């Protein structure tokens, strides 16, 4: 019996011993696990902000990369457009013609061209002429300001009959863009009307409320038709032609044609003229970004010629036989002053002007007349009076101008209209009578 129970007791002792050792082992393992957990928890403190900072840097770099990618994409698009435009213009010459005429730009907007009274022209009549089939042009006729009371409520027939009065007539040919109701144009009409002139102006076909498709030939024919219409009603009254900017090209085309048929106008006035449309396009501020582009002439200038647009003032003046007056501001940003002076240098020695006077009147840049504000010059009435009449009144400063003396156009300075401030400089050849 004792022998049987001894193994059992030993077994229980072994089990208790083994149980104790396993419990201590478990306890030791549990302690070890807690230490590791505490270390992990303690380690989370400094690691967390480091991870956050890394994530922030990654986001910032991602944003920079995204911004640079967008910027590069925009630059590539701009570069592609810059390169594509010349090819587009070359393939579609009509685009260049549109940019020259700008007849689709109607400024000021929302004016009724049928009511010139809304623009302060209370002595102006609006009517329409038809130079060709399917072509209609809108015309304004402003009578001399001294008649403004008599003109109230009068119809077209009264205005047409008024052309036969003793007052001279100016046919005004405006430039590109806008209409006959443009602000600076209206102000010029008022100045000329106050000086006793009839002013007849119109919108070429395709401009304003005129019907038709613009072209150099069409614009010239419209001007010829209006000139003949005036001559048929004006009797022996002098008729002068005044062209501004692009209108100078129409004016020289017209006058050359009139001289060839031996019916020249009494005088031609060119305000802010150019030599020809190619040189003007090359000098225009819009061409600056492409002026040094390889093949500039082929891409941009040849399409103009292929569209039949020349406006060759430099060639036309060689075939004109009437008095010529050129007005140009030094600070003209659209048609460079040098082109107007170059045109004068071509015209003055021409044999066609042998019996007629040719004058070039510059306006100092300090005056700020730029491209279309020469009408503001207080000297303009005197310039026109001396040029369009056979002689000047005694003491008129324009006589001094003809002899190369001071013109006094520059804010009281003792210099001529163009020159170095403070110096007595004149443009004597430009202001003298042609031999």
Protein backbone atom coordinates (compact mmCIF):
# COMPACT_ATOMS: atom_id res chain seq x y z
CA UNK A 1 0.00 0.00 0.00
CA UNK A 2 2.81 2.37 0.90
CA UNK A 3 4.59 1.47 -2.29
CA UNK A 4 1.52 2.31 -4.35
CA UNK A 5 0.93 5.71 -2.74
CA UNK A 6 4.56 6.87 -2.89
CA UNK A 7 4.65 7.36 -6.60
CA UNK A 8 1.40 9.29 -6.37
CA UNK A 9 2.80 11.63 -3.71
CA UNK A 10 5.95 12.13 -5.65
CA UNK A 11 3.90 12.87 -8.69
CA UNK A 12 1.88 15.46 -6.77
CA UNK A 13 5.06 17.07 -5.52
CA UNK A 14 6.49 17.16 -9.02
CA UNK A 15 3.26 18.69 -10.32
CA UNK A 16 3.23 21.30 -7.60
CA UNK A 17 6.85 22.12 -8.31
CA UNK A 18 6.23 22.27 -11.99
CA UNK A 19 3.13 24.41 -11.39
CA UNK A 20 5.15 26.85 -9.33
CA UNK A 21 7.88 27.09 -11.91
CA UNK A 22 5.38 27.58 -14.73
CA UNK A 23 3.58 30.29 -12.76
CA UNK A 24 6.79 32.21 -12.14
CA UNK A 25 7.71 31.81 -15.77
CA UNK A 26 4.32 33.15 -16.77
CA UNK A 27 4.67 36.01 -14.37
CA UNK A 28 8.13 36.81 -15.73
CA UNK A 29 6.80 36.64 -19.26
CA UNK A 30 3.94 38.95 -18.33
CA UNK A 31 6.35 41.46 -16.81
CA UNK A 32 8.54 41.31 -19.88
CA UNK A 33 5.53 41.94 -22.11
CA UNK A 34 4.48 44.93 -20.02
CA UNK A 35 7.98 46.42 -20.22
CA UNK A 36 8.02 46.08 -23.99
CA UNK A 37 4.54 47.63 -24.20
CA UNK A 38 5.62 50.50 -21.98
CA UNK A 39 8.69 51.04 -24.13
CA UNK A 40 6.54 51.07 -27.24
CA UNK A 41 4.14 53.53 -25.65
CA UNK A 42 7.03 55.68 -24.49
CA UNK A 43 8.54 55.56 -27.97
CA UNK A 44 5.39 56.79 -29.63
CA UNK A 45 5.84 60.30 -28.18
CA UNK A 46 8.75 61.65 -30.24
CA UNK A 47 8.07 59.50 -33.31
CA UNK A 48 4.56 60.85 -33.92
CA UNK A 49 5.47 64.49 -34.66
CA UNK A 50 8.37 63.32 -36.81
CA UNK A 51 5.99 61.31 -38.95
CA UNK A 52 3.60 64.29 -39.14
CA UNK A 53 6.39 66.62 -40.28
CA UNK A 54 7.45 64.14 -42.95
CA UNK A 55 3.87 63.93 -44.19
CA UNK A 56 3.62 67.76 -44.30
CA UNK A 57 6.84 68.03 -46.29
CA UNK A 58 5.58 65.45 -48.73
CA UNK A 59 2.33 67.40 -49.20
CA UNK A 60 4.23 70.68 -49.74
CA UNK A 61 6.50 69.06 -52.30
CA UNK A 62 3.46 67.59 -53.98
CA UNK A 63 1.83 71.02 -54.18
CA UNK A 64 5.01 72.54 -55.61
CA UNK A 65 5.27 69.82 -58.17
CA UNK A 66 1.60 70.30 -59.07
CA UNK A 67 2.07 74.10 -59.40
CA UNK A 68 5.17 73.70 -61.55
CA UNK A 69 3.36 71.15 -63.68
CA UNK A 70 0.47 73.56 -64.23
CA UNK A 71 2.81 76.47 -64.94
CA UNK A 72 4.77 74.39 -67.41
CA UNK A 73 1.53 73.31 -69.05
CA UNK A 74 0.41 76.94 -69.39
CA UNK A 75 3.79 77.98 -70.80
CA UNK A 76 3.68 75.17 -73.34
CA UNK A 77 0.15 76.19 -74.37
CA UNK A 78 1.22 79.83 -74.77
CA UNK A 79 4.29 78.81 -76.74
CA UNK A 80 2.20 76.54 -78.93
CA UNK A 81 -0.29 79.33 -79.57
CA UNK A 82 2.54 81.78 -80.30
CA UNK A 83 3.95 79.41 -82.93
CA UNK A 84 0.55 78.44 -84.32
CA UNK A 85 -0.75 81.99 -84.94
CA UNK A 86 1.67 82.78 -87.81
CA UNK A 87 0.73 79.56 -89.58
CA UNK A 88 -2.97 80.26 -89.02
CA UNK A 89 -2.64 83.75 -90.52
CA UNK A 90 -0.65 82.41 -93.44
CA UNK A 91 -3.27 79.76 -94.17
CA UNK A 92 -6.20 82.20 -93.68
CA UNK A 93 -5.22 85.62 -95.12
CA UNK A 94 -8.71 86.89 -94.36
CA UNK A 95 -7.74 87.06 -90.68
CA UNK A 96 -5.06 89.62 -91.45
CA UNK A 97 -7.53 91.66 -93.50
CA UNK A 98 -9.93 91.68 -90.55
CA UNK A 99 -7.16 92.88 -88.26
CA UNK A 100 -6.31 95.73 -90.62
CA UNK A 101 -9.87 96.95 -91.15
CA UNK A 102 -11.20 96.19 -87.63
CA UNK A 103 -14.63 97.06 -89.00
CA UNK A 104 -16.18 94.64 -86.53
CA UNK A 105 -15.06 96.90 -83.66
CA UNK A 106 -17.86 99.38 -83.14
CA UNK A 107 -16.90 102.06 -80.64
CA UNK A 108 -18.70 103.73 -78.97
CA UNK A 109 -21.33 101.06 -78.57
CA UNK A 110 -25.07 101.57 -78.39
CA UNK A 111 -25.21 104.79 -80.41
CA UNK A 112 -27.86 105.35 -83.05
CA UNK A 113 -26.06 106.51 -86.19
CA UNK A 114 -29.38 107.70 -87.56
CA UNK A 115 -29.42 110.36 -84.85
CA UNK A 116 -26.21 112.43 -84.97
CA UNK A 117 -27.99 114.88 -82.66
CA UNK A 118 -27.31 112.42 -79.82
CA UNK A 119 -23.59 113.12 -80.31
CA UNK A 120 -24.05 116.88 -80.02
CA UNK A 121 -24.26 117.44 -83.79
CA UNK A 122 -27.52 119.43 -83.91
CA UNK A 123 -26.78 120.72 -87.42
CA UNK A 124 -26.09 117.35 -89.02
CA UNK A 125 -28.24 115.21 -91.30
CA UNK A 126 -27.94 111.44 -91.72
CA UNK A 127 -28.74 109.79 -95.03
CA UNK A 128 -27.81 106.78 -97.12
CA UNK A 129 -26.26 106.45 -100.55
CA UNK A 130 -25.91 103.41 -102.78
CA UNK A 131 -22.58 103.32 -104.66
CA UNK A 132 -23.21 99.83 -106.05
CA UNK A 133 -25.90 97.21 -106.05
CA UNK A 134 -26.19 95.53 -102.63
CA UNK A 135 -23.95 98.24 -101.12
CA UNK A 136 -25.35 101.02 -98.94
CA UNK A 137 -23.29 103.55 -97.01
CA UNK A 138 -24.37 105.80 -94.16
CA UNK A 139 -23.45 109.49 -94.54
CA UNK A 140 -23.36 112.43 -92.14
CA UNK A 141 -23.44 115.98 -93.47
CA UNK A 142 -22.63 118.73 -90.96
CA UNK A 143 -23.23 122.29 -92.13
CA UNK A 144 -21.15 125.27 -90.90
CA UNK A 145 -21.85 126.11 -87.27
CA UNK A 146 -23.21 129.55 -88.20
CA UNK A 147 -26.20 127.74 -89.73
CA UNK A 148 -27.04 125.54 -86.79
CA UNK A 149 -30.27 127.45 -86.01
CA UNK A 150 -31.41 127.39 -89.64
CA UNK A 151 -30.65 123.66 -89.83
CA UNK A 152 -33.10 122.68 -87.09
CA UNK A 153 -35.82 120.41 -88.42
CA UNK A 154 -34.60 120.58 -92.02
CA UNK A 155 -34.76 117.56 -94.33
CA UNK A 156 -32.17 115.99 -96.61
CA UNK A 157 -33.02 118.21 -99.57
CA UNK A 158 -32.21 121.35 -97.57
CA UNK A 159 -28.82 119.92 -96.59
CA UNK A 160 -28.04 118.94 -100.18
CA UNK A 161 -28.93 122.40 -101.45
CA UNK A 162 -26.73 123.92 -98.72
CA UNK A 163 -23.66 122.41 -100.40
CA UNK A 164 -24.00 125.02 -103.14
CA UNK A 165 -23.46 127.85 -100.63
CA UNK A 166 -20.25 129.84 -100.51
CA UNK A 167 -18.74 127.67 -97.74
CA UNK A 168 -15.97 125.19 -98.64
CA UNK A 169 -16.48 121.46 -98.13
CA UNK A 170 -14.29 118.83 -96.46
CA UNK A 171 -14.78 115.16 -97.29
CA UNK A 172 -13.51 113.30 -94.23
CA UNK A 173 -12.27 109.70 -94.58
CA UNK A 174 -11.88 108.04 -91.20
CA UNK A 175 -9.47 105.29 -90.18
CA UNK A 176 -10.06 101.69 -89.17
CA UNK A 177 -12.28 100.53 -86.32
CA UNK A 178 -15.23 102.44 -84.96
CA UNK A 179 -17.76 104.37 -87.01
CA UNK A 180 -18.38 107.89 -88.26
CA UNK A 181 -19.73 108.54 -84.76
CA UNK A 182 -16.41 107.95 -82.98
CA UNK A 183 -15.71 110.48 -80.23
CA UNK A 184 -12.53 112.00 -81.66
CA UNK A 185 -14.12 112.15 -85.10
CA UNK A 186 -17.17 113.97 -83.82
CA UNK A 187 -14.92 116.49 -82.07
CA UNK A 188 -13.07 117.15 -85.32
CA UNK A 189 -16.37 117.69 -87.16
CA UNK A 190 -17.26 120.31 -84.57
CA UNK A 191 -13.93 122.10 -84.98
CA UNK A 192 -14.15 122.15 -88.77
CA UNK A 193 -17.81 123.23 -88.66
CA UNK A 194 -16.92 126.09 -86.33
CA UNK A 195 -14.35 127.23 -88.91
CA UNK A 196 -17.07 127.53 -91.55
CA UNK A 197 -16.67 124.23 -93.42
CA UNK A 198 -19.28 121.75 -94.52
CA UNK A 199 -18.14 118.33 -93.31
CA UNK A 200 -19.28 115.24 -95.19
CA UNK A 201 -18.24 111.89 -93.77
CA UNK A 202 -19.41 108.32 -94.17
CA UNK A 203 -18.80 104.75 -93.09
CA UNK A 204 -17.21 102.54 -95.71
CA UNK A 205 -19.04 99.39 -96.72
CA UNK A 206 -18.93 96.98 -93.81
CA UNK A 207 -18.46 99.71 -91.17
CA UNK A 208 -21.15 100.98 -88.83
CA UNK A 209 -24.58 100.72 -90.44
CA UNK A 210 -23.19 100.54 -93.98
CA UNK A 211 -23.88 97.36 -95.91
CA UNK A 212 -21.24 95.44 -97.85
CA UNK A 213 -17.93 93.62 -97.53
CA UNK A 214 -14.84 95.77 -96.85
CA UNK A 215 -11.93 95.83 -99.27
CA UNK A 216 -9.44 98.44 -100.43
CA UNK A 217 -11.09 98.65 -103.83
CA UNK A 218 -14.55 98.93 -102.30
CA UNK A 219 -13.50 101.61 -99.81
CA UNK A 220 -11.89 103.66 -102.57
CA UNK A 221 -14.96 103.34 -104.77
CA UNK A 222 -17.23 104.44 -101.92
CA UNK A 223 -15.07 107.55 -101.44
CA UNK A 224 -15.11 108.27 -105.18
CA UNK A 225 -18.89 107.96 -105.28
CA UNK A 226 -19.35 110.37 -102.36
CA UNK A 227 -16.89 112.85 -103.89
CA UNK A 228 -18.81 112.83 -107.18
CA UNK A 229 -22.07 113.17 -105.26
CA UNK A 230 -20.69 116.27 -103.51
CA UNK A 231 -19.32 117.80 -106.72
CA UNK A 232 -22.67 117.38 -108.42
CA UNK A 233 -24.25 119.62 -105.74
CA UNK A 234 -21.49 122.00 -104.67
CA UNK A 235 -21.07 124.06 -107.82
CA UNK A 236 -17.77 125.96 -107.75
CA UNK A 237 -17.20 125.59 -104.03
CA UNK A 238 -13.81 124.21 -103.03
CA UNK A 239 -13.79 120.57 -102.02
CA UNK A 240 -10.95 119.31 -99.81
CA UNK A 241 -10.21 115.71 -98.89
CA UNK A 242 -9.08 114.86 -95.37
CA UNK A 243 -7.86 111.36 -94.51
CA UNK A 244 -6.86 110.04 -91.11
CA UNK A 245 -4.75 106.96 -90.38
CA UNK A 246 -6.02 104.14 -92.62
CA UNK A 247 -8.20 106.77 -94.27
CA UNK A 248 -5.01 108.37 -95.65
CA UNK A 249 -4.62 105.26 -97.80
CA UNK A 250 -8.17 105.67 -99.10
CA UNK A 251 -7.56 109.40 -99.61
CA UNK A 252 -4.41 109.00 -101.73
CA UNK A 253 -6.07 106.22 -103.75
CA UNK A 254 -9.00 108.53 -104.38
CA UNK A 255 -6.97 111.64 -105.20
CA UNK A 256 -4.65 109.74 -107.52
CA UNK A 257 -7.68 108.49 -109.42
CA UNK A 258 -9.19 111.99 -109.54
CA UNK A 259 -5.93 113.45 -110.83
CA UNK A 260 -5.68 110.77 -113.50
CA UNK A 261 -9.11 111.74 -114.79
CA UNK A 262 -8.15 115.43 -114.44
CA UNK A 263 -10.69 116.33 -111.75
CA UNK A 264 -8.41 116.80 -108.70
CA UNK A 265 -9.70 118.15 -105.40
CA UNK A 266 -8.65 121.59 -104.25
CA UNK A 267 -6.33 120.14 -101.59
CA UNK A 268 -5.44 116.94 -99.76
CA UNK A 269 -4.89 116.77 -96.00
CA UNK A 270 -3.30 113.67 -94.47
CA UNK A 271 -3.44 113.25 -90.69
CA UNK A 272 -1.14 110.60 -89.19
CA UNK A 273 -0.29 109.00 -92.55
CA UNK A 274 1.96 106.03 -93.31
CA UNK A 275 3.98 105.14 -96.39
CA UNK A 276 2.31 101.82 -97.25
CA UNK A 277 0.41 99.17 -95.37
CA UNK A 278 3.37 96.76 -95.19
CA UNK A 279 5.60 99.28 -93.43
CA UNK A 280 2.75 100.31 -91.17
CA UNK A 281 1.98 96.70 -90.22
CA UNK A 282 5.64 96.11 -89.47
CA UNK A 283 5.80 99.24 -87.30
CA UNK A 284 2.49 98.72 -85.51
CA UNK A 285 2.79 98.09 -81.75
CA UNK A 286 0.82 94.85 -82.09
CA UNK A 287 3.60 93.42 -84.26
CA UNK A 288 6.29 93.84 -81.60
CA UNK A 289 6.01 90.27 -80.29
CA UNK A 290 6.48 88.85 -83.81
CA UNK A 291 8.74 91.46 -85.40
CA UNK A 292 11.84 89.26 -85.02
CA UNK A 293 10.01 86.00 -85.64
CA UNK A 294 11.74 84.00 -88.42
CA UNK A 295 9.91 84.64 -91.68
CA UNK A 296 7.92 87.61 -90.34
CA UNK A 297 7.35 89.09 -93.81
CA UNK A 298 6.28 85.75 -95.26
CA UNK A 299 3.92 84.93 -92.40
CA UNK A 300 2.38 88.34 -91.72
CA UNK A 301 3.02 90.81 -94.55
CA UNK A 302 2.62 88.63 -97.63
CA UNK A 303 -0.94 87.60 -96.63
CA UNK A 304 -1.85 91.31 -96.58
CA UNK A 305 -0.63 91.75 -100.14
CA UNK A 306 -2.28 88.52 -101.26
CA UNK A 307 -5.57 89.88 -99.89
CA UNK A 308 -5.28 92.82 -102.29
CA UNK A 309 -4.48 95.37 -99.56
CA UNK A 310 -1.69 97.82 -100.37
CA UNK A 311 -2.70 101.41 -99.49
CA UNK A 312 0.49 102.56 -101.18
CA UNK A 313 0.63 106.22 -100.14
CA UNK A 314 4.30 106.42 -101.13
CA UNK A 315 3.43 105.46 -104.71
CA UNK A 316 0.22 107.48 -104.91
CA UNK A 317 1.79 110.81 -103.93
CA UNK A 318 4.00 110.61 -107.01
CA UNK A 319 0.88 110.89 -109.16
CA UNK A 320 -1.01 113.57 -107.23
CA UNK A 321 -1.24 117.10 -108.52
CA UNK A 322 -2.85 119.23 -105.81
CA UNK A 323 -1.72 120.94 -102.62
CA UNK A 324 -0.74 118.52 -99.85
CA UNK A 325 -0.72 119.08 -96.09
CA UNK A 326 0.62 116.41 -93.70
CA UNK A 327 -0.15 116.59 -89.97
CA UNK A 328 1.61 114.21 -87.59
CA UNK A 329 2.24 114.05 -83.83
CA UNK A 330 5.68 112.95 -82.66
CA UNK A 331 4.19 110.75 -79.95
CA UNK A 332 1.88 108.82 -82.28
CA UNK A 333 1.95 105.24 -80.95
CA UNK A 334 -0.01 103.69 -83.84
CA UNK A 335 1.54 105.20 -86.96
CA UNK A 336 5.15 106.15 -86.17
CA UNK A 337 6.08 109.77 -86.77
CA UNK A 338 8.97 108.63 -88.97
CA UNK A 339 6.53 107.19 -91.54
CA UNK A 340 4.77 110.53 -91.92
CA UNK A 341 8.06 112.33 -92.34
CA UNK A 342 9.24 109.71 -94.82
CA UNK A 343 6.08 110.21 -96.86
CA UNK A 344 6.73 113.94 -96.96
CA UNK A 345 10.31 113.34 -98.13
CA UNK A 346 8.93 111.25 -100.98
CA UNK A 347 6.22 113.74 -101.94
CA UNK A 348 8.11 117.04 -101.69
CA UNK A 349 10.57 116.48 -104.59
CA UNK A 350 7.96 114.81 -106.79
CA UNK A 351 7.41 116.46 -110.16
CA UNK A 352 3.65 116.15 -109.71
CA UNK A 353 3.79 118.77 -106.93
CA UNK A 354 5.88 121.18 -108.97
CA UNK A 355 3.10 123.79 -109.08
CA UNK A 356 1.55 123.05 -105.68
CA UNK A 357 2.52 123.61 -102.08
CA UNK A 358 3.49 120.72 -99.84
CA UNK A 359 3.69 121.20 -96.08
CA UNK A 360 4.57 118.93 -93.19
CA UNK A 361 3.38 120.10 -89.78
CA UNK A 362 4.78 118.13 -86.82
CA UNK A 363 3.39 118.42 -83.29
CA UNK A 364 5.72 118.13 -80.33
CA UNK A 365 5.34 115.04 -78.16
CA UNK A 366 4.87 117.25 -75.08
CA UNK A 367 1.48 118.27 -76.45
CA UNK A 368 0.18 114.73 -76.08
CA UNK A 369 -1.86 114.63 -79.31
CA UNK A 370 -0.75 111.07 -80.05
CA UNK A 371 -2.67 109.35 -82.88
CA UNK A 372 -6.04 111.05 -82.95
CA UNK A 373 -6.10 114.23 -80.90
CA UNK A 374 -4.57 116.79 -83.25
CA UNK A 375 -8.00 118.41 -83.40
CA UNK A 376 -7.24 119.76 -79.90
CA UNK A 377 -4.43 121.97 -81.20
CA UNK A 378 -5.29 125.66 -80.84
CA UNK A 379 -3.05 126.23 -83.87
CA UNK A 380 -5.13 124.00 -86.15
CA UNK A 381 -7.52 126.76 -87.33
CA UNK A 382 -4.59 128.96 -88.29
CA UNK A 383 -2.78 126.09 -90.03
CA UNK A 384 -5.84 125.31 -92.13
CA UNK A 385 -6.55 128.94 -92.85
CA UNK A 386 -3.04 129.56 -94.14
CA UNK A 387 -2.83 126.32 -96.09
CA UNK A 388 -6.26 126.23 -97.71
CA UNK A 389 -6.43 129.92 -98.53
CA UNK A 390 -4.17 131.62 -101.02
CA UNK A 391 -2.52 133.79 -98.44
CA UNK A 392 -2.29 134.49 -94.73
CA UNK A 393 -3.37 137.54 -92.85
CA UNK A 394 -0.63 140.05 -91.95
CA UNK A 395 1.28 138.96 -88.87
CA UNK A 396 0.19 135.32 -89.12
CA UNK A 397 2.72 133.01 -87.48
CA UNK A 398 2.33 130.50 -90.28
CA UNK A 399 4.18 132.82 -92.63
CA UNK A 400 7.11 132.63 -90.25
CA UNK A 401 6.77 128.88 -90.38
CA UNK A 402 7.03 128.85 -94.15
CA UNK A 403 10.32 130.70 -93.91
CA UNK A 404 11.70 128.25 -91.37
CA UNK A 405 11.23 130.40 -88.27
CA UNK A 406 9.64 129.58 -84.92
CA UNK A 407 6.17 128.00 -84.99
CA UNK A 408 5.62 128.18 -81.25
CA UNK A 409 3.58 124.98 -80.93
CA UNK A 410 5.47 123.65 -77.90
CA UNK A 411 4.09 125.07 -74.62
CA UNK A 412 5.71 128.49 -75.06
CA UNK A 413 9.18 127.10 -75.62
CA UNK A 414 11.35 128.84 -78.24
CA UNK A 415 11.61 125.66 -80.31
CA UNK A 416 9.58 124.40 -83.22
CA UNK A 417 6.90 121.75 -82.99
CA UNK A 418 9.52 119.06 -82.98
CA UNK A 419 13.02 119.46 -81.62
CA UNK A 420 15.12 119.43 -78.51
CA UNK A 421 13.44 121.35 -75.67
CA UNK A 422 15.06 124.74 -75.18
CA UNK A 423 16.75 124.81 -78.59
CA UNK A 424 15.63 126.76 -81.60
CA UNK A 425 15.19 124.00 -84.14
CA UNK A 426 12.84 123.90 -87.08
CA UNK A 427 11.80 121.50 -89.74
CA UNK A 428 12.24 124.14 -92.39
CA UNK A 429 12.20 121.89 -95.47
CA UNK A 430 8.98 120.25 -94.34
CA UNK A 431 7.29 123.58 -93.77
CA UNK A 432 8.34 125.36 -96.93
CA UNK A 433 6.56 125.54 -100.21
CA UNK A 434 7.62 123.01 -102.78
CA UNK A 435 9.45 124.48 -105.70
